Amino acid sequence: MRIVAISGSLRKGSYNRSLLFNIGELLPEGMAIEIQPILDVPLFNEDDEARGIPDSVTRLRDAITAADGLLVATPEYNAGVPGVLKNTIDWLSRPPGKSVLTGKPIAILGASPGVLGTARAQVHLRAAFEFNAAPVMPSPQVFVGQARDKFDADGRLTDEKTRAFLRKFLEAYAVWVRRFAAAPQ
């Protein structure tokens, strides 16, 4: 089972990027994760789209098309989704009615220094994915709050309760992905 993962944070020391890198150690048997960058995805503009799809968008679309599922790690900025992540989803949602997101099983997780984790950002993301007919795993939901206390200076997830919960989350996601792989098209 091949999963593409993206982080909604561009910061090198991002808790969400760290979360994705740490997940590699927690995967259920048979699942592999490929982290795709979104740093080079330009701002969405229909005029630019009409001139041709940027290589960075084509690369990301191709990776998601070939994958069995999409895993999205999001921070929360001002009680919502980071602009860079929403912008990436806008590109992936194109062309209307033919989005690479349609039917792609998705799971969302996130880490934040705040107490609520990324709960509000995840609500916004769910709406964007549901608009694109992308089935988002309803539970378990991962809101890693007070992330500064759960990662060491090198970005390693040191909180054992969080690691155990992420294992359960990934096992549930594997079931979710298989459910949609088995569904008739």
N, C-alpha and C. Protein backbone atom coordinates (compact mmCIF):
# COMPACT_ATOMS: atom_id res chain seq x y z
N MET A 1 0.85 -1.17 0.00
CA MET A 1 0.00 0.00 0.00
C MET A 1 0.90 1.23 0.00
N ARG A 2 0.73 2.05 -1.01
CA ARG A 2 1.58 3.23 -1.17
C ARG A 2 0.78 4.49 -0.86
N ILE A 3 1.29 5.28 0.08
CA ILE A 3 0.62 6.50 0.53
C ILE A 3 1.52 7.69 0.25
N VAL A 4 0.96 8.72 -0.35
CA VAL A 4 1.66 9.99 -0.52
C VAL A 4 1.30 10.86 0.69
N ALA A 5 2.28 11.54 1.23
CA ALA A 5 2.06 12.43 2.37
C ALA A 5 2.57 13.82 2.03
N ILE A 6 1.82 14.82 2.47
CA ILE A 6 2.26 16.21 2.32
C ILE A 6 2.09 16.93 3.66
N SER A 7 2.98 17.89 3.88
CA SER A 7 2.90 18.72 5.07
C SER A 7 2.49 20.12 4.65
N GLY A 8 1.58 20.70 5.41
CA GLY A 8 1.12 22.06 5.14
C GLY A 8 2.04 23.13 5.68
N SER A 9 3.20 22.74 6.16
CA SER A 9 4.18 23.70 6.67
C SER A 9 5.44 23.63 5.83
N LEU A 10 5.99 24.77 5.52
CA LEU A 10 7.23 24.83 4.74
C LEU A 10 8.47 24.95 5.63
N ARG A 11 8.28 25.21 6.90
CA ARG A 11 9.38 25.43 7.83
C ARG A 11 10.18 24.15 8.03
N LYS A 12 11.51 24.23 7.96
CA LYS A 12 12.37 23.05 8.13
C LYS A 12 12.14 22.37 9.46
N GLY A 13 11.97 23.13 10.53
CA GLY A 13 11.78 22.56 11.85
C GLY A 13 10.31 22.34 12.21
N SER A 14 9.46 22.24 11.22
CA SER A 14 8.02 22.10 11.44
C SER A 14 7.67 20.83 12.20
N TYR A 15 6.77 20.95 13.16
CA TYR A 15 6.27 19.77 13.87
C TYR A 15 5.55 18.83 12.91
N ASN A 16 4.88 19.38 11.91
CA ASN A 16 4.12 18.55 10.99
C ASN A 16 5.03 17.79 10.03
N ARG A 17 6.08 18.42 9.58
CA ARG A 17 7.07 17.69 8.78
C ARG A 17 7.70 16.60 9.64
N SER A 18 8.03 16.93 10.87
CA SER A 18 8.59 15.93 11.79
C SER A 18 7.62 14.79 12.03
N LEU A 19 6.36 15.11 12.17
CA LEU A 19 5.33 14.09 12.37
C LEU A 19 5.35 13.09 11.21
N LEU A 20 5.43 13.59 9.99
CA LEU A 20 5.47 12.69 8.82
C LEU A 20 6.73 11.85 8.80
N PHE A 21 7.87 12.44 9.11
CA PHE A 21 9.11 11.67 9.11
C PHE A 21 9.10 10.60 10.20
N ASN A 22 8.51 10.90 11.34
CA ASN A 22 8.42 9.93 12.43
C ASN A 22 7.45 8.80 12.12
N ILE A 23 6.44 9.07 11.34
CA ILE A 23 5.45 8.05 11.00
C ILE A 23 6.10 6.87 10.28
N GLY A 24 7.17 7.11 9.57
CA GLY A 24 7.86 6.03 8.87
C GLY A 24 8.24 4.87 9.79
N GLU A 25 8.46 5.16 11.06
CA GLU A 25 8.82 4.12 12.03
C GLU A 25 7.60 3.41 12.60
N LEU A 26 6.41 3.91 12.31
CA LEU A 26 5.20 3.42 12.97
C LEU A 26 4.22 2.75 12.00
N LEU A 27 4.60 2.64 10.76
CA LEU A 27 3.71 2.12 9.73
C LEU A 27 3.33 0.66 9.95
N PRO A 28 2.07 0.32 9.65
CA PRO A 28 1.71 -1.09 9.69
C PRO A 28 2.40 -1.83 8.54
N GLU A 29 2.54 -3.11 8.68
CA GLU A 29 3.19 -3.92 7.65
C GLU A 29 2.46 -3.74 6.31
N GLY A 30 3.25 -3.57 5.27
CA GLY A 30 2.70 -3.44 3.93
C GLY A 30 2.38 -2.01 3.51
N MET A 31 2.58 -1.04 4.39
CA MET A 31 2.32 0.35 4.04
C MET A 31 3.64 1.09 3.89
N ALA A 32 3.73 1.89 2.84
CA ALA A 32 4.91 2.73 2.61
C ALA A 32 4.44 4.16 2.37
N ILE A 33 5.21 5.10 2.89
CA ILE A 33 4.86 6.52 2.74
C ILE A 33 5.94 7.23 1.95
N GLU A 34 5.48 8.02 1.00
CA GLU A 34 6.36 8.87 0.19
C GLU A 34 5.98 10.31 0.47
N ILE A 35 6.87 11.05 1.10
CA ILE A 35 6.59 12.45 1.43
C ILE A 35 6.91 13.31 0.21
N GLN A 36 5.92 14.07 -0.22
CA GLN A 36 6.07 14.94 -1.38
C GLN A 36 6.14 16.39 -0.92
N PRO A 37 7.08 17.16 -1.45
CA PRO A 37 7.17 18.58 -1.06
C PRO A 37 6.10 19.42 -1.77
N ILE A 38 5.71 20.51 -1.14
CA ILE A 38 4.81 21.46 -1.80
C ILE A 38 5.43 22.86 -1.87
N LEU A 39 6.68 22.96 -1.48
CA LEU A 39 7.39 24.24 -1.45
C LEU A 39 7.36 24.95 -2.81
N ASP A 40 7.45 24.17 -3.89
CA ASP A 40 7.56 24.78 -5.21
C ASP A 40 6.23 24.88 -5.96
N VAL A 41 5.13 24.62 -5.29
CA VAL A 41 3.81 24.78 -5.91
C VAL A 41 3.48 26.27 -5.94
N PRO A 42 3.30 26.84 -7.15
CA PRO A 42 3.04 28.29 -7.23
C PRO A 42 1.62 28.64 -6.79
N LEU A 43 1.39 29.91 -6.58
CA LEU A 43 0.04 30.37 -6.26
C LEU A 43 -0.90 30.02 -7.41
N PHE A 44 -2.08 29.51 -7.06
CA PHE A 44 -3.03 29.13 -8.10
C PHE A 44 -3.59 30.35 -8.78
N ASN A 45 -3.62 30.29 -10.11
CA ASN A 45 -4.16 31.36 -10.93
C ASN A 45 -4.67 30.70 -12.21
N GLU A 46 -5.95 30.84 -12.51
CA GLU A 46 -6.50 30.20 -13.71
C GLU A 46 -5.81 30.66 -14.98
N ASP A 47 -5.30 31.89 -15.01
CA ASP A 47 -4.57 32.36 -16.19
C ASP A 47 -3.30 31.53 -16.37
N ASP A 48 -2.60 31.28 -15.27
CA ASP A 48 -1.40 30.44 -15.36
C ASP A 48 -1.77 29.02 -15.74
N GLU A 49 -2.84 28.50 -15.18
CA GLU A 49 -3.30 27.15 -15.50
C GLU A 49 -3.58 27.01 -17.00
N ALA A 50 -4.18 28.04 -17.60
CA ALA A 50 -4.51 28.02 -19.02
C ALA A 50 -3.25 27.97 -19.88
N ARG A 51 -2.15 28.52 -19.37
CA ARG A 51 -0.87 28.51 -20.11
C ARG A 51 -0.13 27.19 -19.97
N GLY A 52 -0.53 26.39 -18.99
CA GLY A 52 0.12 25.10 -18.78
C GLY A 52 0.32 24.81 -17.31
N ILE A 53 0.16 23.56 -16.94
CA ILE A 53 0.28 23.15 -15.55
C ILE A 53 1.77 23.17 -15.16
N PRO A 54 2.11 23.82 -14.06
CA PRO A 54 3.51 23.85 -13.61
C PRO A 54 4.03 22.43 -13.32
N ASP A 55 5.31 22.22 -13.56
CA ASP A 55 5.92 20.91 -13.34
C ASP A 55 5.72 20.41 -11.91
N SER A 56 5.80 21.32 -10.93
CA SER A 56 5.64 20.91 -9.53
C SER A 56 4.24 20.36 -9.27
N VAL A 57 3.25 20.92 -9.91
CA VAL A 57 1.87 20.46 -9.75
C VAL A 57 1.69 19.13 -10.47
N THR A 58 2.24 19.00 -11.67
CA THR A 58 2.16 17.74 -12.41
C THR A 58 2.82 16.61 -11.63
N ARG A 59 3.99 16.88 -11.03
CA ARG A 59 4.69 15.87 -10.23
C ARG A 59 3.83 15.41 -9.07
N LEU A 60 3.22 16.36 -8.37
CA LEU A 60 2.39 16.03 -7.22
C LEU A 60 1.13 15.29 -7.66
N ARG A 61 0.49 15.75 -8.71
CA ARG A 61 -0.70 15.05 -9.22
C ARG A 61 -0.37 13.62 -9.61
N ASP A 62 0.73 13.44 -10.32
CA ASP A 62 1.12 12.08 -10.75
C ASP A 62 1.39 11.18 -9.55
N ALA A 63 2.05 11.71 -8.53
CA ALA A 63 2.34 10.91 -7.34
C ALA A 63 1.05 10.51 -6.63
N ILE A 64 0.11 11.42 -6.52
CA ILE A 64 -1.16 11.12 -5.85
C ILE A 64 -1.98 10.14 -6.69
N THR A 65 -1.99 10.32 -7.98
CA THR A 65 -2.72 9.40 -8.86
C THR A 65 -2.21 7.98 -8.69
N ALA A 66 -0.90 7.82 -8.60
CA ALA A 66 -0.30 6.48 -8.50
C ALA A 66 -0.42 5.89 -7.09
N ALA A 67 -0.73 6.72 -6.11
CA ALA A 67 -0.79 6.27 -4.72
C ALA A 67 -2.16 5.68 -4.39
N ASP A 68 -2.18 4.89 -3.33
CA ASP A 68 -3.43 4.32 -2.84
C ASP A 68 -4.18 5.29 -1.94
N GLY A 69 -3.48 6.26 -1.37
CA GLY A 69 -4.11 7.22 -0.47
C GLY A 69 -3.24 8.43 -0.26
N LEU A 70 -3.81 9.43 0.40
CA LEU A 70 -3.12 10.69 0.68
C LEU A 70 -3.22 10.99 2.17
N LEU A 71 -2.10 11.27 2.77
CA LEU A 71 -2.00 11.63 4.18
C LEU A 71 -1.56 13.09 4.26
N VAL A 72 -2.31 13.90 4.99
CA VAL A 72 -2.02 15.33 5.05
C VAL A 72 -1.77 15.74 6.50
N ALA A 73 -0.59 16.30 6.75
CA ALA A 73 -0.25 16.84 8.06
C ALA A 73 -0.36 18.36 7.98
N THR A 74 -1.19 18.91 8.83
CA THR A 74 -1.41 20.36 8.76
C THR A 74 -1.13 21.05 10.08
N PRO A 75 -0.45 22.18 10.01
CA PRO A 75 -0.42 23.06 11.17
C PRO A 75 -1.73 23.85 11.19
N GLU A 76 -1.87 24.73 12.15
CA GLU A 76 -3.04 25.60 12.21
C GLU A 76 -2.54 27.03 12.31
N TYR A 77 -2.91 27.83 11.35
CA TYR A 77 -2.52 29.25 11.33
C TYR A 77 -3.77 30.09 11.48
N ASN A 78 -3.84 30.92 12.51
CA ASN A 78 -4.98 31.82 12.70
C ASN A 78 -6.31 31.06 12.66
N ALA A 79 -6.34 29.92 13.34
CA ALA A 79 -7.55 29.09 13.46
C ALA A 79 -7.99 28.48 12.14
N GLY A 80 -7.06 28.32 11.20
CA GLY A 80 -7.43 27.74 9.91
C GLY A 80 -6.28 27.04 9.23
N VAL A 81 -6.51 26.70 7.97
CA VAL A 81 -5.55 25.99 7.13
C VAL A 81 -4.49 26.97 6.63
N PRO A 82 -3.23 26.58 6.66
CA PRO A 82 -2.19 27.44 6.09
C PRO A 82 -2.47 27.70 4.60
N GLY A 83 -2.21 28.92 4.16
CA GLY A 83 -2.46 29.28 2.77
C GLY A 83 -1.75 28.37 1.78
N VAL A 84 -0.52 27.97 2.08
CA VAL A 84 0.23 27.14 1.16
C VAL A 84 -0.45 25.78 0.96
N LEU A 85 -1.06 25.24 1.99
CA LEU A 85 -1.74 23.96 1.87
C LEU A 85 -3.05 24.12 1.11
N LYS A 86 -3.83 25.14 1.43
CA LYS A 86 -5.08 25.38 0.70
C LYS A 86 -4.79 25.63 -0.76
N ASN A 87 -3.74 26.37 -1.06
CA ASN A 87 -3.34 26.63 -2.44
C ASN A 87 -3.01 25.32 -3.17
N THR A 88 -2.31 24.42 -2.50
CA THR A 88 -1.97 23.13 -3.11
C THR A 88 -3.24 22.33 -3.40
N ILE A 89 -4.18 22.34 -2.48
CA ILE A 89 -5.45 21.64 -2.70
C ILE A 89 -6.20 22.27 -3.87
N ASP A 90 -6.13 23.58 -3.99
CA ASP A 90 -6.79 24.24 -5.13
C ASP A 90 -6.21 23.74 -6.45
N TRP A 91 -4.89 23.62 -6.54
CA TRP A 91 -4.27 23.07 -7.75
C TRP A 91 -4.70 21.62 -7.97
N LEU A 92 -4.71 20.82 -6.90
CA LEU A 92 -5.05 19.41 -7.03
C LEU A 92 -6.51 19.20 -7.40
N SER A 93 -7.35 20.16 -7.11
CA SER A 93 -8.78 20.03 -7.40
C SER A 93 -9.11 20.27 -8.87
N ARG A 94 -8.14 20.66 -9.63
CA ARG A 94 -8.34 21.01 -11.04
C ARG A 94 -8.00 19.83 -11.95
N PRO A 95 -8.60 19.71 -13.11
CA PRO A 95 -9.73 20.48 -13.59
C PRO A 95 -11.01 20.06 -12.88
N PRO A 96 -11.99 20.96 -12.83
CA PRO A 96 -13.25 20.64 -12.15
C PRO A 96 -13.84 19.33 -12.67
N GLY A 97 -14.23 18.49 -11.73
CA GLY A 97 -14.83 17.20 -12.10
C GLY A 97 -13.83 16.11 -12.42
N LYS A 98 -12.55 16.45 -12.49
CA LYS A 98 -11.51 15.47 -12.81
C LYS A 98 -10.33 15.57 -11.84
N SER A 99 -10.61 15.94 -10.63
CA SER A 99 -9.58 16.11 -9.62
C SER A 99 -8.91 14.79 -9.28
N VAL A 100 -7.60 14.81 -9.03
CA VAL A 100 -6.90 13.60 -8.57
C VAL A 100 -7.34 13.23 -7.15
N LEU A 101 -8.03 14.14 -6.49
CA LEU A 101 -8.51 13.88 -5.14
C LEU A 101 -9.78 13.04 -5.12
N THR A 102 -10.56 13.09 -6.18
CA THR A 102 -11.84 12.39 -6.23
C THR A 102 -11.65 10.90 -5.98
N GLY A 103 -12.32 10.42 -4.95
CA GLY A 103 -12.26 9.00 -4.60
C GLY A 103 -10.99 8.56 -3.89
N LYS A 104 -10.05 9.45 -3.70
CA LYS A 104 -8.78 9.11 -3.05
C LYS A 104 -8.97 9.12 -1.54
N PRO A 105 -8.74 7.99 -0.86
CA PRO A 105 -8.90 7.97 0.60
C PRO A 105 -7.83 8.83 1.29
N ILE A 106 -8.32 9.72 2.14
CA ILE A 106 -7.46 10.71 2.77
C ILE A 106 -7.55 10.58 4.29
N ALA A 107 -6.43 10.85 4.94
CA ALA A 107 -6.40 10.98 6.40
C ALA A 107 -5.66 12.27 6.72
N ILE A 108 -6.13 12.94 7.76
CA ILE A 108 -5.57 14.22 8.17
C ILE A 108 -5.05 14.08 9.60
N LEU A 109 -3.92 14.68 9.84
CA LEU A 109 -3.37 14.76 11.20
C LEU A 109 -2.64 16.08 11.32
N GLY A 110 -2.30 16.46 12.53
CA GLY A 110 -1.59 17.71 12.68
C GLY A 110 -1.04 17.90 14.08
N ALA A 111 -0.02 18.74 14.13
CA ALA A 111 0.64 19.05 15.39
C ALA A 111 0.77 20.56 15.51
N SER A 112 0.62 21.05 16.74
CA SER A 112 0.68 22.48 16.99
C SER A 112 1.15 22.73 18.42
N PRO A 113 1.80 23.86 18.66
CA PRO A 113 2.16 24.20 20.04
C PRO A 113 0.94 24.47 20.91
N GLY A 114 -0.20 24.79 20.31
CA GLY A 114 -1.41 25.11 21.07
C GLY A 114 -2.04 23.89 21.71
N VAL A 115 -2.93 24.13 22.64
CA VAL A 115 -3.60 23.06 23.38
C VAL A 115 -4.53 22.25 22.49
N LEU A 116 -5.20 22.90 21.54
CA LEU A 116 -6.18 22.22 20.69
C LEU A 116 -5.56 21.47 19.52
N GLY A 117 -4.27 21.51 19.40
CA GLY A 117 -3.65 20.88 18.24
C GLY A 117 -4.09 21.61 16.99
N THR A 118 -4.57 20.89 16.02
CA THR A 118 -4.96 21.50 14.75
C THR A 118 -6.43 21.22 14.42
N ALA A 119 -7.25 21.12 15.43
CA ALA A 119 -8.65 20.76 15.25
C ALA A 119 -9.39 21.69 14.29
N ARG A 120 -9.20 22.99 14.44
CA ARG A 120 -9.93 23.93 13.58
C ARG A 120 -9.44 23.87 12.14
N ALA A 121 -8.16 23.74 11.94
CA ALA A 121 -7.62 23.63 10.58
C ALA A 121 -8.14 22.36 9.91
N GLN A 122 -8.22 21.29 10.66
CA GLN A 122 -8.67 20.03 10.09
C GLN A 122 -10.13 20.09 9.65
N VAL A 123 -10.96 20.85 10.36
CA VAL A 123 -12.35 21.03 9.93
C VAL A 123 -12.38 21.69 8.55
N HIS A 124 -11.57 22.70 8.35
CA HIS A 124 -11.52 23.39 7.06
C HIS A 124 -11.03 22.45 5.96
N LEU A 125 -10.01 21.67 6.27
CA LEU A 125 -9.49 20.72 5.28
C LEU A 125 -10.53 19.69 4.88
N ARG A 126 -11.24 19.17 5.86
CA ARG A 126 -12.28 18.18 5.56
C ARG A 126 -13.28 18.74 4.56
N ALA A 127 -13.67 19.98 4.75
CA ALA A 127 -14.64 20.59 3.83
C ALA A 127 -14.07 20.68 2.41
N ALA A 128 -12.82 21.08 2.27
CA ALA A 128 -12.21 21.18 0.95
C ALA A 128 -12.11 19.81 0.28
N PHE A 129 -11.74 18.79 1.04
CA PHE A 129 -11.64 17.45 0.45
C PHE A 129 -13.01 16.88 0.13
N GLU A 130 -13.98 17.09 1.00
CA GLU A 130 -15.32 16.59 0.74
C GLU A 130 -15.92 17.25 -0.50
N PHE A 131 -15.63 18.52 -0.72
CA PHE A 131 -16.10 19.21 -1.92
C PHE A 131 -15.56 18.52 -3.18
N ASN A 132 -14.38 17.92 -3.06
CA ASN A 132 -13.76 17.23 -4.19
C ASN A 132 -14.08 15.73 -4.21
N ALA A 133 -15.07 15.31 -3.44
CA ALA A 133 -15.49 13.91 -3.38
C ALA A 133 -14.36 12.98 -2.97
N ALA A 134 -13.52 13.47 -2.08
CA ALA A 134 -12.42 12.68 -1.52
C ALA A 134 -12.85 12.18 -0.15
N PRO A 135 -12.91 10.88 0.05
CA PRO A 135 -13.35 10.36 1.34
C PRO A 135 -12.29 10.55 2.42
N VAL A 136 -12.62 11.33 3.43
CA VAL A 136 -11.70 11.61 4.53
C VAL A 136 -12.05 10.69 5.70
N MET A 137 -11.03 9.99 6.21
CA MET A 137 -11.25 9.08 7.33
C MET A 137 -11.84 9.87 8.51
N PRO A 138 -13.00 9.41 9.02
CA PRO A 138 -13.65 10.17 10.10
C PRO A 138 -12.99 10.03 11.46
N SER A 139 -12.42 8.87 11.74
CA SER A 139 -11.77 8.67 13.03
C SER A 139 -10.84 7.47 12.95
N PRO A 140 -9.86 7.42 13.79
CA PRO A 140 -9.52 8.39 14.82
C PRO A 140 -8.93 9.67 14.20
N GLN A 141 -9.04 10.73 14.95
CA GLN A 141 -8.49 12.01 14.52
C GLN A 141 -7.26 12.31 15.37
N VAL A 142 -6.25 12.88 14.73
CA VAL A 142 -4.98 13.16 15.41
C VAL A 142 -4.79 14.66 15.54
N PHE A 143 -4.84 15.15 16.76
CA PHE A 143 -4.60 16.56 17.08
C PHE A 143 -3.47 16.59 18.12
N VAL A 144 -2.23 16.69 17.67
CA VAL A 144 -1.11 16.69 18.60
C VAL A 144 -0.95 18.10 19.15
N GLY A 145 -1.47 18.31 20.34
CA GLY A 145 -1.36 19.61 21.00
C GLY A 145 -0.09 19.68 21.83
N GLN A 146 0.31 20.89 22.16
CA GLN A 146 1.53 21.14 22.94
C GLN A 146 2.72 20.36 22.37
N ALA A 147 2.86 20.46 21.05
CA ALA A 147 3.86 19.68 20.32
C ALA A 147 5.28 19.94 20.80
N ARG A 148 5.56 21.11 21.28
CA ARG A 148 6.94 21.41 21.72
C ARG A 148 7.40 20.46 22.82
N ASP A 149 6.44 19.89 23.55
CA ASP A 149 6.77 18.95 24.62
C ASP A 149 6.83 17.50 24.15
N LYS A 150 6.53 17.27 22.88
CA LYS A 150 6.44 15.89 22.38
C LYS A 150 7.53 15.54 21.37
N PHE A 151 8.29 16.52 20.96
CA PHE A 151 9.39 16.32 20.01
C PHE A 151 10.68 16.81 20.65
N ASP A 152 11.78 16.14 20.33
CA ASP A 152 13.07 16.65 20.82
C ASP A 152 13.63 17.68 19.84
N ALA A 153 14.80 18.20 20.11
CA ALA A 153 15.41 19.25 19.29
C ALA A 153 15.71 18.79 17.87
N ASP A 154 15.83 17.47 17.66
CA ASP A 154 16.10 16.93 16.32
C ASP A 154 14.82 16.56 15.58
N GLY A 155 13.66 16.84 16.16
CA GLY A 155 12.40 16.53 15.50
C GLY A 155 11.89 15.12 15.74
N ARG A 156 12.54 14.40 16.63
CA ARG A 156 12.10 13.04 16.92
C ARG A 156 10.93 13.07 17.89
N LEU A 157 9.87 12.34 17.55
CA LEU A 157 8.69 12.25 18.41
C LEU A 157 9.04 11.36 19.59
N THR A 158 9.11 11.97 20.77
CA THR A 158 9.55 11.24 21.96
C THR A 158 8.40 10.85 22.89
N ASP A 159 7.22 11.38 22.66
CA ASP A 159 6.09 11.09 23.52
C ASP A 159 5.50 9.72 23.16
N GLU A 160 5.64 8.76 24.06
CA GLU A 160 5.23 7.39 23.77
C GLU A 160 3.72 7.25 23.60
N LYS A 161 2.92 8.01 24.34
CA LYS A 161 1.47 7.94 24.17
C LYS A 161 1.07 8.40 22.77
N THR A 162 1.72 9.45 22.29
CA THR A 162 1.43 9.94 20.94
C THR A 162 1.87 8.93 19.91
N ARG A 163 3.03 8.33 20.09
CA ARG A 163 3.52 7.31 19.15
C ARG A 163 2.54 6.12 19.10
N ALA A 164 2.07 5.68 20.25
CA ALA A 164 1.12 4.55 20.29
C ALA A 164 -0.18 4.92 19.59
N PHE A 165 -0.65 6.15 19.83
CA PHE A 165 -1.89 6.58 19.17
C PHE A 165 -1.71 6.67 17.66
N LEU A 166 -0.55 7.15 17.22
CA LEU A 166 -0.28 7.22 15.78
C LEU A 166 -0.26 5.84 15.14
N ARG A 167 0.24 4.84 15.85
CA ARG A 167 0.20 3.46 15.32
C ARG A 167 -1.24 3.03 15.08
N LYS A 168 -2.11 3.29 16.05
CA LYS A 168 -3.54 2.95 15.91
C LYS A 168 -4.17 3.73 14.75
N PHE A 169 -3.82 5.00 14.65
CA PHE A 169 -4.32 5.85 13.56
C PHE A 169 -3.91 5.26 12.21
N LEU A 170 -2.66 4.87 12.07
CA LEU A 170 -2.17 4.32 10.80
C LEU A 170 -2.79 2.97 10.49
N GLU A 171 -3.03 2.15 11.50
CA GLU A 171 -3.72 0.88 11.28
C GLU A 171 -5.14 1.13 10.79
N ALA A 172 -5.83 2.10 11.39
CA ALA A 172 -7.18 2.45 10.96
C ALA A 172 -7.15 3.01 9.53
N TYR A 173 -6.13 3.78 9.22
CA TYR A 173 -6.02 4.35 7.87
C TYR A 173 -5.78 3.24 6.84
N ALA A 174 -5.00 2.25 7.18
CA ALA A 174 -4.79 1.12 6.25
C ALA A 174 -6.13 0.45 5.93
N VAL A 175 -6.96 0.26 6.94
CA VAL A 175 -8.29 -0.32 6.73
C VAL A 175 -9.12 0.60 5.84
N TRP A 176 -9.07 1.90 6.09
CA TRP A 176 -9.80 2.89 5.30
C TRP A 176 -9.38 2.84 3.83
N VAL A 177 -8.09 2.79 3.59
CA VAL A 177 -7.58 2.76 2.21
C VAL A 177 -8.03 1.47 1.52
N ARG A 178 -7.91 0.33 2.20
CA ARG A 178 -8.35 -0.94 1.60
C ARG A 178 -9.83 -0.92 1.29
N ARG A 179 -10.61 -0.27 2.12
CA ARG A 179 -12.06 -0.18 1.88
C ARG A 179 -12.34 0.47 0.53
N PHE A 180 -11.61 1.51 0.19
CA PHE A 180 -11.86 2.19 -1.06
C PHE A 180 -11.18 1.52 -2.25
N ALA A 181 -10.12 0.77 -1.98
CA ALA A 181 -9.49 0.01 -3.06
C ALA A 181 -10.40 -1.11 -3.52
N ALA A 182 -11.18 -1.64 -2.59
CA ALA A 182 -12.09 -2.76 -2.89
C ALA A 182 -13.42 -2.30 -3.45
N ALA A 183 -13.73 -1.00 -3.33
CA ALA A 183 -15.02 -0.49 -3.78
C ALA A 183 -15.09 -0.48 -5.31
N PRO A 184 -16.24 -0.85 -5.87
CA PRO A 184 -16.39 -0.79 -7.32
C PRO A 184 -16.33 0.64 -7.82
N GLN A 185 -15.72 0.85 -8.95
CA GLN A 185 -15.58 2.18 -9.50
C GLN A 185 -16.75 2.54 -10.41
